[in-house]
């Protein structure tokens, strides 16, 4: 699904003075937009073909630290360049930034001009191509939850991110009156995203004070991942412009609900016309292919968890009784399970992965889910019976890894992911996970000091 805004449209807007800036962005390991602001005349003259960036952008942590231990780049190798190749199918105007358009770029090796295998967009494109070779395409939709604060990013930082002021004082799940108070920001987000060629369905209050959700229309996997990355950046920019702050932390506060990114997925024929998960004659309307796909998700649930929960903080979200799952099992329309069957007995049948937090990188998460599903199809894995009841209290069932350390071990030892992504890619992200753990392990938290300063 290409953007409706073409390069010819951009040329005309630049010539007539409506666009003066073009953002050329790659997506980093954390799912963020990194790139350059081009003078629009220069972009339409030559930069639309390619530009360049330091190759450390695909080898840093969330704080942009240069991390040791990567094979792809290092101080010893001099941190050279990558080539950024604009994908003009992603070109769009950005309504909330004056005179601005944006394009996403593929990341290429500076010498061979081949895609950098560990760059997020390349990882997802590889799995999409595997599906294409099987005569299929994946449609996906990622819901995004976040917290909205009644203060700026600057004031939150100056306060050490303590005693922050939420935009509301009570649980606002589906609450119209409370969300009316927040419409200055949320309406701007909906209208802004719609104007950026991202079809918005709705926004709503979520299950905690100050918690919001934004939902957009499903699309093919790559288009949806592109939208997801732009949505997160856009929500932050729009909130910032109004003196507010947003966080996509999976668990920003112990007493608050976690923020998720539920991922809905289904397979269709290559032309997008025939649902491959639906058979009205089968139980729940699930085709054998869908059953194999879901079996793959469950079989490899621990191995793919890192790509759904990439940080130490991610694992603080998995708490019983909070609508965040703790068990990697499937159930029919049951929000306590990690994988929920939605749209049973209809053409819109799909499986919803509820494991991912709002801090995930959509390209990596989508790719891991597709790879696990493909493995289930190729090996005709048998799907277990659906779980019935409260999954939080279930015993002797498959659990979601409780720590980053556990998820990292499962990732490292995954034969399925190594075959699907390549050893170098898995080693690259294993190193990212190890670094996250190392950085946490050497820190002293406020909780430790307050608990033991006098009493230890």
Protein backbone atom coordinates (compact mmCIF):
# COMPACT_ATOMS: atom_id res chain seq x y z
CA UNK A 1 0.00 0.00 0.00
CA UNK A 2 1.83 3.08 -1.24
CA UNK A 3 1.20 6.57 0.07
CA UNK A 4 -1.13 8.61 -2.11
CA UNK A 5 1.41 11.45 -2.11
CA UNK A 6 3.76 11.03 -5.06
CA UNK A 7 7.17 12.41 -5.92
CA UNK A 8 5.50 14.49 -8.64
CA UNK A 9 3.20 15.93 -5.95
CA UNK A 10 6.26 16.81 -3.91
CA UNK A 11 8.00 18.48 -6.86
CA UNK A 12 4.92 20.63 -7.45
CA UNK A 13 4.56 21.54 -3.77
CA UNK A 14 8.24 22.49 -3.58
CA UNK A 15 8.06 24.58 -6.76
CA UNK A 16 4.97 26.41 -5.49
CA UNK A 17 6.37 26.96 -1.99
CA UNK A 18 4.08 24.69 0.02
CA UNK A 19 6.87 22.32 1.07
CA UNK A 20 10.30 23.59 2.10
CA UNK A 21 11.60 20.71 4.24
CA UNK A 22 11.85 16.95 3.65
CA UNK A 23 12.65 14.55 6.47
CA UNK A 24 14.62 11.54 5.21
CA UNK A 25 14.46 8.94 7.98
CA UNK A 26 15.72 5.48 8.70
CA UNK A 27 14.27 3.38 11.53
CA UNK A 28 16.78 2.46 14.23
CA UNK A 29 16.93 -0.65 16.42
CA UNK A 30 14.53 0.95 18.89
CA UNK A 31 11.95 1.75 16.19
CA UNK A 32 12.67 5.49 16.19
CA UNK A 33 13.06 7.82 13.23
CA UNK A 34 16.65 8.93 12.63
CA UNK A 35 17.79 11.04 9.71
CA UNK A 36 18.17 14.49 8.19
CA UNK A 37 16.09 17.55 7.40
CA UNK A 38 16.67 18.42 3.75
CA UNK A 39 16.05 21.70 2.10
CA UNK A 40 13.26 20.56 -0.18
CA UNK A 41 14.81 21.95 -3.38
CA UNK A 42 17.95 19.88 -2.80
CA UNK A 43 15.95 16.77 -2.00
CA UNK A 44 13.93 16.84 -5.23
CA UNK A 45 17.09 17.66 -7.19
CA UNK A 46 19.30 14.82 -5.96
CA UNK A 47 18.86 13.56 -2.38
CA UNK A 48 15.76 11.58 -3.36
CA UNK A 49 18.18 9.07 -4.88
CA UNK A 50 20.24 8.50 -1.72
CA UNK A 51 21.88 10.10 1.29
CA UNK A 52 24.18 8.83 4.03
CA UNK A 53 24.43 8.35 7.77
CA UNK A 54 26.90 7.06 10.33
CA UNK A 55 26.56 3.30 10.67
CA UNK A 56 26.43 3.52 14.44
CA UNK A 57 22.72 4.34 14.11
CA UNK A 58 22.05 0.59 13.85
CA UNK A 59 24.28 -0.25 16.83
CA UNK A 60 23.38 2.06 19.71
CA UNK A 61 21.22 1.70 22.78
CA UNK A 62 18.17 3.77 23.66
CA UNK A 63 20.43 6.55 24.99
CA UNK A 64 22.44 6.63 21.74
CA UNK A 65 25.50 5.16 23.47
CA UNK A 66 28.10 3.47 21.28
CA UNK A 67 27.92 -0.13 22.42
CA UNK A 68 30.91 -2.46 22.35
CA UNK A 69 30.70 -6.01 21.05
CA UNK A 70 28.98 -5.53 17.70
CA UNK A 71 30.57 -7.20 14.67
CA UNK A 72 28.93 -4.83 12.19
CA UNK A 73 30.56 -1.62 13.42
CA UNK A 74 32.84 -0.39 16.19
CA UNK A 75 35.50 2.15 17.15
CA UNK A 76 38.08 -0.26 15.69
CA UNK A 77 36.27 -0.18 12.35
CA UNK A 78 35.97 3.58 12.49
CA UNK A 79 32.17 3.91 12.43
CA UNK A 80 31.82 4.48 8.71
CA UNK A 81 28.76 5.29 6.60
CA UNK A 82 25.59 3.57 5.59
CA UNK A 83 23.63 4.63 2.52
CA UNK A 84 20.03 5.70 3.10
CA UNK A 85 17.84 4.95 0.08
CA UNK A 86 14.49 6.79 0.19
CA UNK A 87 11.52 4.53 -0.45
CA UNK A 88 9.33 6.98 -2.35
CA UNK A 89 6.27 4.79 -1.73
CA UNK A 90 6.42 6.06 1.87
CA UNK A 91 6.54 9.75 0.94
CA UNK A 92 3.92 11.86 2.71
CA UNK A 93 3.15 15.34 3.97
CA UNK A 94 3.38 15.90 7.73
CA UNK A 95 0.52 18.27 8.63
CA UNK A 96 1.67 19.00 12.17
CA UNK A 97 5.04 20.35 10.93
CA UNK A 98 4.86 23.45 8.77
CA UNK A 99 5.93 22.99 5.14
CA UNK A 100 7.24 19.48 5.79
CA UNK A 101 7.19 16.10 4.03
CA UNK A 102 8.70 12.81 5.20
CA UNK A 103 10.10 9.74 3.52
CA UNK A 104 11.37 6.50 5.06
CA UNK A 105 14.64 5.06 3.85
CA UNK A 106 16.09 1.60 3.49
CA UNK A 107 19.55 1.19 4.98
CA UNK A 108 22.20 -0.06 2.55
CA UNK A 109 25.83 -1.07 2.85
CA UNK A 110 27.91 1.90 1.68
CA UNK A 111 30.07 -0.24 -0.61
CA UNK A 112 27.83 -3.05 -1.90
CA UNK A 113 24.53 -1.13 -1.75
CA UNK A 114 22.90 -4.29 -0.39
CA UNK A 115 20.40 -3.89 2.45
CA UNK A 116 21.96 -4.02 5.91
CA UNK A 117 20.62 -7.33 7.19
CA UNK A 118 20.15 -6.23 10.81
CA UNK A 119 18.31 -2.99 9.96
CA UNK A 120 14.68 -3.36 11.09
CA UNK A 121 13.06 -2.64 7.74
CA UNK A 122 15.30 -5.21 6.01
CA UNK A 123 14.45 -7.85 8.63
CA UNK A 124 10.72 -7.45 8.03
CA UNK A 125 11.07 -7.26 4.25
CA UNK A 126 12.89 -10.59 4.29
CA UNK A 127 9.97 -12.30 6.04
CA UNK A 128 7.46 -10.60 3.73
CA UNK A 129 9.38 -12.02 0.77
CA UNK A 130 9.19 -15.50 2.30
CA UNK A 131 5.41 -15.16 2.41
CA UNK A 132 5.34 -13.87 -1.17
CA UNK A 133 7.23 -16.98 -2.30
CA UNK A 134 4.46 -19.01 -0.65
CA UNK A 135 1.79 -17.01 -2.52
CA UNK A 136 0.63 -15.15 0.58
CA UNK A 137 0.73 -11.78 2.28
CA UNK A 138 0.29 -10.83 5.92
CA UNK A 139 -2.13 -8.15 7.01
CA UNK A 140 -1.45 -6.66 10.42
CA UNK A 141 -2.71 -3.98 12.75
CA UNK A 142 -0.93 -2.75 15.84
CA UNK A 143 -2.84 -0.95 18.56
CA UNK A 144 -0.80 1.60 20.50
CA UNK A 145 -1.30 2.65 24.11
CA UNK A 146 0.50 5.49 25.88
CA UNK A 147 0.24 7.87 28.83
CA UNK A 148 -0.44 11.57 28.37
CA UNK A 149 0.90 14.06 30.92
CA UNK A 150 -0.32 17.55 31.69
CA UNK A 151 3.20 18.97 31.53
CA UNK A 152 6.05 19.33 29.08
CA UNK A 153 8.94 16.98 28.42
CA UNK A 154 11.30 19.64 29.78
CA UNK A 155 9.45 19.99 33.10
CA UNK A 156 9.23 16.20 33.46
CA UNK A 157 12.98 15.90 32.90
CA UNK A 158 13.74 18.71 35.35
CA UNK A 159 11.64 16.91 37.96
CA UNK A 160 13.67 13.73 37.46
CA UNK A 161 10.52 12.12 36.05
CA UNK A 162 9.03 12.04 39.57
CA UNK A 163 5.63 13.26 40.74
CA UNK A 164 4.42 13.73 37.19
CA UNK A 165 1.02 15.24 36.43
CA UNK A 166 -1.21 12.94 34.43
CA UNK A 167 -3.81 14.49 32.17
CA UNK A 168 -6.55 12.83 34.24
CA UNK A 169 -7.05 11.63 37.79
CA UNK A 170 -8.95 8.37 37.29
CA UNK A 171 -9.35 5.29 35.10
CA UNK A 172 -10.67 6.58 31.79
CA UNK A 173 -11.28 3.36 29.89
CA UNK A 174 -13.86 4.22 27.19
CA UNK A 175 -14.72 7.33 29.25
CA UNK A 176 -16.17 10.04 27.01
CA UNK A 177 -16.34 12.91 29.53
CA UNK A 178 -12.72 12.50 30.61
CA UNK A 179 -11.43 12.10 27.08
CA UNK A 180 -13.34 15.24 26.10
CA UNK A 181 -10.94 17.10 28.40
CA UNK A 182 -8.03 15.65 26.41
CA UNK A 183 -9.39 16.37 22.94
CA UNK A 184 -7.03 19.28 22.32
CA UNK A 185 -4.23 16.74 22.02
CA UNK A 186 -6.04 13.63 20.86
CA UNK A 187 -8.03 15.38 18.11
CA UNK A 188 -4.81 16.92 16.84
CA UNK A 189 -3.23 13.45 16.79
CA UNK A 190 -6.14 11.89 14.89
CA UNK A 191 -6.36 14.73 12.36
CA UNK A 192 -2.59 14.92 11.97
CA UNK A 193 -2.15 11.21 11.30
CA UNK A 194 -5.11 11.17 8.91
CA UNK A 195 -3.53 14.08 7.04
CA UNK A 196 -0.26 12.13 6.89
CA UNK A 197 -2.01 9.37 4.92
CA UNK A 198 -2.42 7.12 7.96
CA UNK A 199 -6.08 6.06 8.12
CA UNK A 200 -7.20 6.51 11.71
CA UNK A 201 -10.07 4.47 13.11
CA UNK A 202 -10.40 5.90 16.61
CA UNK A 203 -8.81 6.97 19.85
CA UNK A 204 -10.08 6.10 23.32
CA UNK A 205 -9.29 6.32 26.98
CA UNK A 206 -7.56 3.26 28.37
CA UNK A 207 -7.56 1.36 31.65
CA UNK A 208 -5.63 3.80 33.82
CA UNK A 209 -5.55 7.50 34.64
CA UNK A 210 -4.05 9.42 31.72
CA UNK A 211 -3.81 6.37 29.47
CA UNK A 212 -4.76 6.66 25.79
CA UNK A 213 -5.04 4.35 22.80
CA UNK A 214 -4.84 5.14 19.08
CA UNK A 215 -6.04 2.68 16.45
CA UNK A 216 -5.48 2.84 12.70
CA UNK A 217 -6.67 0.67 9.83
CA UNK A 218 -4.89 -2.62 9.18
CA UNK A 219 -2.50 -2.93 6.23
CA UNK A 220 0.11 -5.24 4.78
CA UNK A 221 2.89 -5.90 7.27
CA UNK A 222 5.48 -3.44 5.93
CA UNK A 223 2.98 -0.62 5.48
CA UNK A 224 1.65 -1.15 9.00
CA UNK A 225 5.14 -1.13 10.50
CA UNK A 226 5.91 2.11 8.64
CA UNK A 227 2.71 3.63 9.95
CA UNK A 228 3.46 2.48 13.50
CA UNK A 229 6.88 4.15 13.53
CA UNK A 230 5.44 7.41 12.16
CA UNK A 231 2.52 7.29 14.63
CA UNK A 232 4.81 7.08 17.65
CA UNK A 233 6.97 9.95 16.44
CA UNK A 234 3.92 12.00 15.47
CA UNK A 235 2.17 11.52 18.82
CA UNK A 236 5.24 12.80 20.65
CA UNK A 237 5.71 15.78 18.33
CA UNK A 238 2.05 16.81 18.51
CA UNK A 239 1.97 16.50 22.30
CA UNK A 240 5.22 18.48 22.57
CA UNK A 241 3.77 21.23 20.38
CA UNK A 242 0.95 21.63 22.90
CA UNK A 243 3.19 21.66 25.97
CA UNK A 244 2.31 18.07 26.90
CA UNK A 245 4.37 14.91 27.24
CA UNK A 246 3.68 11.33 26.17
CA UNK A 247 5.45 8.13 27.18
CA UNK A 248 5.42 4.78 25.42
CA UNK A 249 7.18 3.05 28.31
CA UNK A 250 5.65 -0.39 28.80
CA UNK A 251 5.26 0.26 32.55
CA UNK A 252 5.88 3.84 33.61
CA UNK A 253 4.59 3.46 37.18
CA UNK A 254 4.05 0.48 39.47
CA UNK A 255 0.49 1.54 40.35
CA UNK A 256 -0.57 2.20 36.75
CA UNK A 257 -1.55 -0.24 34.02
CA UNK A 258 1.07 -1.15 31.47
CA UNK A 259 0.94 0.12 27.90
CA UNK A 260 0.65 -2.50 25.20
CA UNK A 261 0.93 -2.82 21.47
CA UNK A 262 -1.43 -5.64 20.59
CA UNK A 263 -0.72 -7.03 17.12
CA UNK A 264 -3.55 -8.45 15.00
CA UNK A 265 -2.45 -10.72 12.16
CA UNK A 266 -3.96 -12.73 9.34
CA UNK A 267 -2.78 -14.24 6.06
CA UNK A 268 -4.40 -13.58 2.69
CA UNK A 269 -3.76 -14.55 -0.92
CA UNK A 270 -1.05 -12.60 -2.72
CA UNK A 271 -3.66 -10.38 -4.37
CA UNK A 272 -5.22 -9.61 -0.98
CA UNK A 273 -8.65 -10.91 -1.99
CA UNK A 274 -8.91 -14.33 -0.35
CA UNK A 275 -8.64 -14.85 3.43
CA UNK A 276 -6.46 -17.87 4.10
CA UNK A 277 -7.41 -18.13 7.78
CA UNK A 278 -11.18 -18.50 7.25
CA UNK A 279 -13.25 -21.60 6.54
CA UNK A 280 -16.85 -21.41 7.70
CA UNK A 281 -17.04 -25.21 7.86
CA UNK A 282 -14.22 -25.52 10.39
CA UNK A 283 -14.28 -25.08 14.17
CA UNK A 284 -14.21 -21.35 15.04
CA UNK A 285 -13.87 -20.73 11.29
CA UNK A 286 -10.14 -21.54 11.45
CA UNK A 287 -8.50 -23.13 8.40
CA UNK A 288 -5.81 -25.79 8.93
CA UNK A 289 -3.30 -23.15 7.78
CA UNK A 290 -4.40 -20.77 10.53
CA UNK A 291 -4.15 -23.53 13.11
CA UNK A 292 -0.60 -24.30 11.98
CA UNK A 293 0.29 -20.59 12.03
CA UNK A 294 -0.98 -20.11 15.57
CA UNK A 295 0.76 -23.31 16.65
CA UNK A 296 3.99 -21.79 15.35
CA UNK A 297 3.42 -18.65 17.42
CA UNK A 298 2.93 -20.74 20.55
CA UNK A 299 5.75 -23.19 19.89
CA UNK A 300 8.21 -20.34 19.50
CA UNK A 301 6.60 -17.94 21.98
CA UNK A 302 9.61 -17.73 24.30
CA UNK A 303 12.06 -17.31 21.41
CA UNK A 304 10.25 -14.32 19.92
CA UNK A 305 9.51 -12.58 23.23
CA UNK A 306 12.59 -10.35 23.06
CA UNK A 307 11.25 -8.75 19.88
CA UNK A 308 7.97 -8.05 21.69
CA UNK A 309 9.55 -6.92 24.96
CA UNK A 310 13.06 -5.52 24.33
CA UNK A 311 13.90 -3.71 27.59
CA UNK A 312 14.24 -4.40 31.31
CA UNK A 313 11.14 -2.26 31.85
CA UNK A 314 9.13 -4.33 29.36
CA UNK A 315 8.91 -7.24 31.79
CA UNK A 316 7.45 -5.09 34.59
CA UNK A 317 4.25 -5.00 32.51
CA UNK A 318 3.51 -8.74 32.78
CA UNK A 319 1.40 -8.61 35.95
CA UNK A 320 -1.65 -10.75 36.67
CA UNK A 321 -4.99 -8.98 36.69
CA UNK A 322 -3.83 -5.99 34.64
CA UNK A 323 -4.94 -7.09 31.13
CA UNK A 324 -1.28 -7.73 30.31
CA UNK A 325 -0.73 -11.47 29.72
CA UNK A 326 1.50 -13.78 31.73
CA UNK A 327 0.83 -17.01 29.82
CA UNK A 328 1.74 -17.78 26.19
CA UNK A 329 -1.45 -19.67 25.40
CA UNK A 330 -4.35 -19.07 23.05
CA UNK A 331 -8.01 -18.66 23.80
CA UNK A 332 -11.19 -17.52 22.06
CA UNK A 333 -11.98 -13.88 22.77
CA UNK A 334 -10.23 -14.02 26.16
CA UNK A 335 -8.14 -11.03 27.21
CA UNK A 336 -6.28 -12.97 29.90
CA UNK A 337 -4.42 -15.08 27.31
CA UNK A 338 -1.27 -14.06 25.47
CA UNK A 339 -2.86 -14.90 22.11
CA UNK A 340 -6.56 -14.18 21.51
CA UNK A 341 -8.70 -15.41 18.64
CA UNK A 342 -10.71 -12.47 17.25
CA UNK A 343 -13.44 -12.42 14.59
CA UNK A 344 -14.16 -16.14 14.93
CA UNK A 345 -16.44 -17.59 12.23
CA UNK A 346 -16.08 -14.50 10.00
CA UNK A 347 -13.78 -13.41 7.18
CA UNK A 348 -12.13 -10.99 9.62
CA UNK A 349 -10.83 -13.88 11.71
CA UNK A 350 -7.37 -13.15 13.06
CA UNK A 351 -5.04 -13.90 15.92
CA UNK A 352 -4.17 -11.08 18.31
CA UNK A 353 -0.79 -11.22 20.03
CA UNK A 354 -1.23 -9.44 23.37
CA UNK A 355 2.35 -9.95 24.55
CA UNK A 356 3.99 -6.87 23.03
CA UNK A 357 4.37 -3.60 24.89
CA UNK A 358 4.15 -0.11 23.44
CA UNK A 359 7.97 0.01 23.55
CA UNK A 360 8.43 -2.64 20.84
CA UNK A 361 9.96 -2.04 17.42
CA UNK A 362 7.13 -2.95 15.00
CA UNK A 363 9.41 -4.21 12.24
CA UNK A 364 11.15 -6.66 14.54
CA UNK A 365 7.94 -7.74 16.27
CA UNK A 366 6.06 -8.31 12.99
CA UNK A 367 9.01 -10.18 11.48
CA UNK A 368 9.37 -12.48 14.48
CA UNK A 369 5.66 -13.30 14.51
CA UNK A 370 5.62 -14.00 10.77
CA UNK A 371 8.72 -16.21 11.03
CA UNK A 372 7.17 -18.24 13.85
CA UNK A 373 3.91 -18.56 11.91
CA UNK A 374 5.70 -19.68 8.75
CA UNK A 375 7.53 -22.34 10.73
CA UNK A 376 4.20 -23.60 12.01
CA UNK A 377 2.83 -23.80 8.46
CA UNK A 378 5.91 -25.42 6.95
CA UNK A 379 6.12 -28.06 9.68
CA UNK A 380 2.34 -28.49 10.00
CA UNK A 381 2.53 -27.97 13.74
CA UNK A 382 -0.56 -29.11 15.62
CA UNK A 383 -2.48 -26.50 17.58
CA UNK A 384 -3.31 -27.31 21.18
CA UNK A 385 -6.86 -26.91 22.46
CA UNK A 386 -7.87 -23.36 23.35
CA UNK A 387 -7.53 -22.39 26.99
CA UNK A 388 -10.80 -21.69 28.79
CA UNK A 389 -11.06 -19.52 31.90
CA UNK A 390 -8.76 -17.14 33.76
CA UNK A 391 -5.29 -17.64 32.28
CA UNK A 392 -3.67 -15.74 35.15
CA UNK A 393 -4.50 -18.59 37.50
CA UNK A 394 -3.58 -21.38 35.10
CA UNK A 395 -1.01 -23.94 36.22
CA UNK A 396 1.37 -26.01 34.13
CA UNK A 397 0.89 -23.97 30.97
CA UNK A 398 3.42 -22.14 28.80
CA UNK A 399 4.55 -18.91 30.44
CA UNK A 400 5.91 -15.73 28.92
CA UNK A 401 9.55 -15.27 29.99
CA UNK A 402 9.51 -13.22 33.18
CA UNK A 403 12.79 -11.40 32.62
CA UNK A 404 14.88 -9.98 29.82
CA UNK A 405 17.60 -12.43 30.80
CA UNK A 406 15.26 -15.36 30.15
CA UNK A 407 14.05 -13.92 26.85
CA UNK A 408 17.63 -13.28 25.72
CA UNK A 409 18.61 -16.88 26.37
CA UNK A 410 15.62 -18.11 24.36
CA UNK A 411 16.49 -15.72 21.51
CA UNK A 412 20.13 -16.78 21.41
CA UNK A 413 19.26 -20.47 21.26
CA UNK A 414 16.45 -20.17 18.71
CA UNK A 415 17.18 -22.36 15.70
CA UNK A 416 14.00 -21.11 14.04
CA UNK A 417 14.96 -17.42 14.25
CA UNK A 418 18.55 -18.10 13.22
CA UNK A 419 17.28 -19.89 10.12
CA UNK A 420 14.74 -17.13 9.38
CA UNK A 421 16.80 -14.01 10.18
CA UNK A 422 20.39 -15.27 9.88
CA UNK A 423 23.00 -15.84 12.57
CA UNK A 424 24.52 -12.36 12.25
CA UNK A 425 21.15 -10.69 12.81
CA UNK A 426 20.35 -12.78 15.89
CA UNK A 427 23.86 -12.24 17.28
CA UNK A 428 23.42 -8.48 16.73
CA UNK A 429 20.18 -8.31 18.70
CA UNK A 430 21.45 -10.72 21.33
CA UNK A 431 24.23 -8.22 21.95
CA UNK A 432 21.66 -5.43 22.25
CA UNK A 433 19.75 -7.46 24.84
CA UNK A 434 22.92 -8.31 26.76
CA UNK A 435 23.91 -4.64 26.86
CA UNK A 436 20.50 -3.64 28.20
CA UNK A 437 20.91 -6.22 30.97
CA UNK A 438 24.48 -5.16 31.73
CA UNK A 439 23.49 -1.51 32.03
CA UNK A 440 20.66 -2.36 34.41
CA UNK A 441 22.70 -4.76 36.54
CA UNK A 442 25.25 -2.09 37.44
CA UNK A 443 22.68 0.53 38.49
CA UNK A 444 21.53 1.34 42.04
CA UNK A 445 17.80 2.08 42.16
CA UNK A 446 15.93 4.46 44.44
CA UNK A 447 13.95 1.46 45.72
CA UNK A 448 17.12 -0.31 46.91
CA UNK A 449 18.41 2.76 48.73
CA UNK A 450 15.09 3.63 50.39
CA UNK A 451 14.56 0.05 51.47
CA UNK A 452 17.95 -0.65 52.90
CA UNK A 453 19.70 2.63 53.76
CA UNK A 454 18.97 2.31 57.50
CA UNK A 455 17.71 -1.23 57.79
CA UNK A 456 20.36 -3.25 55.99
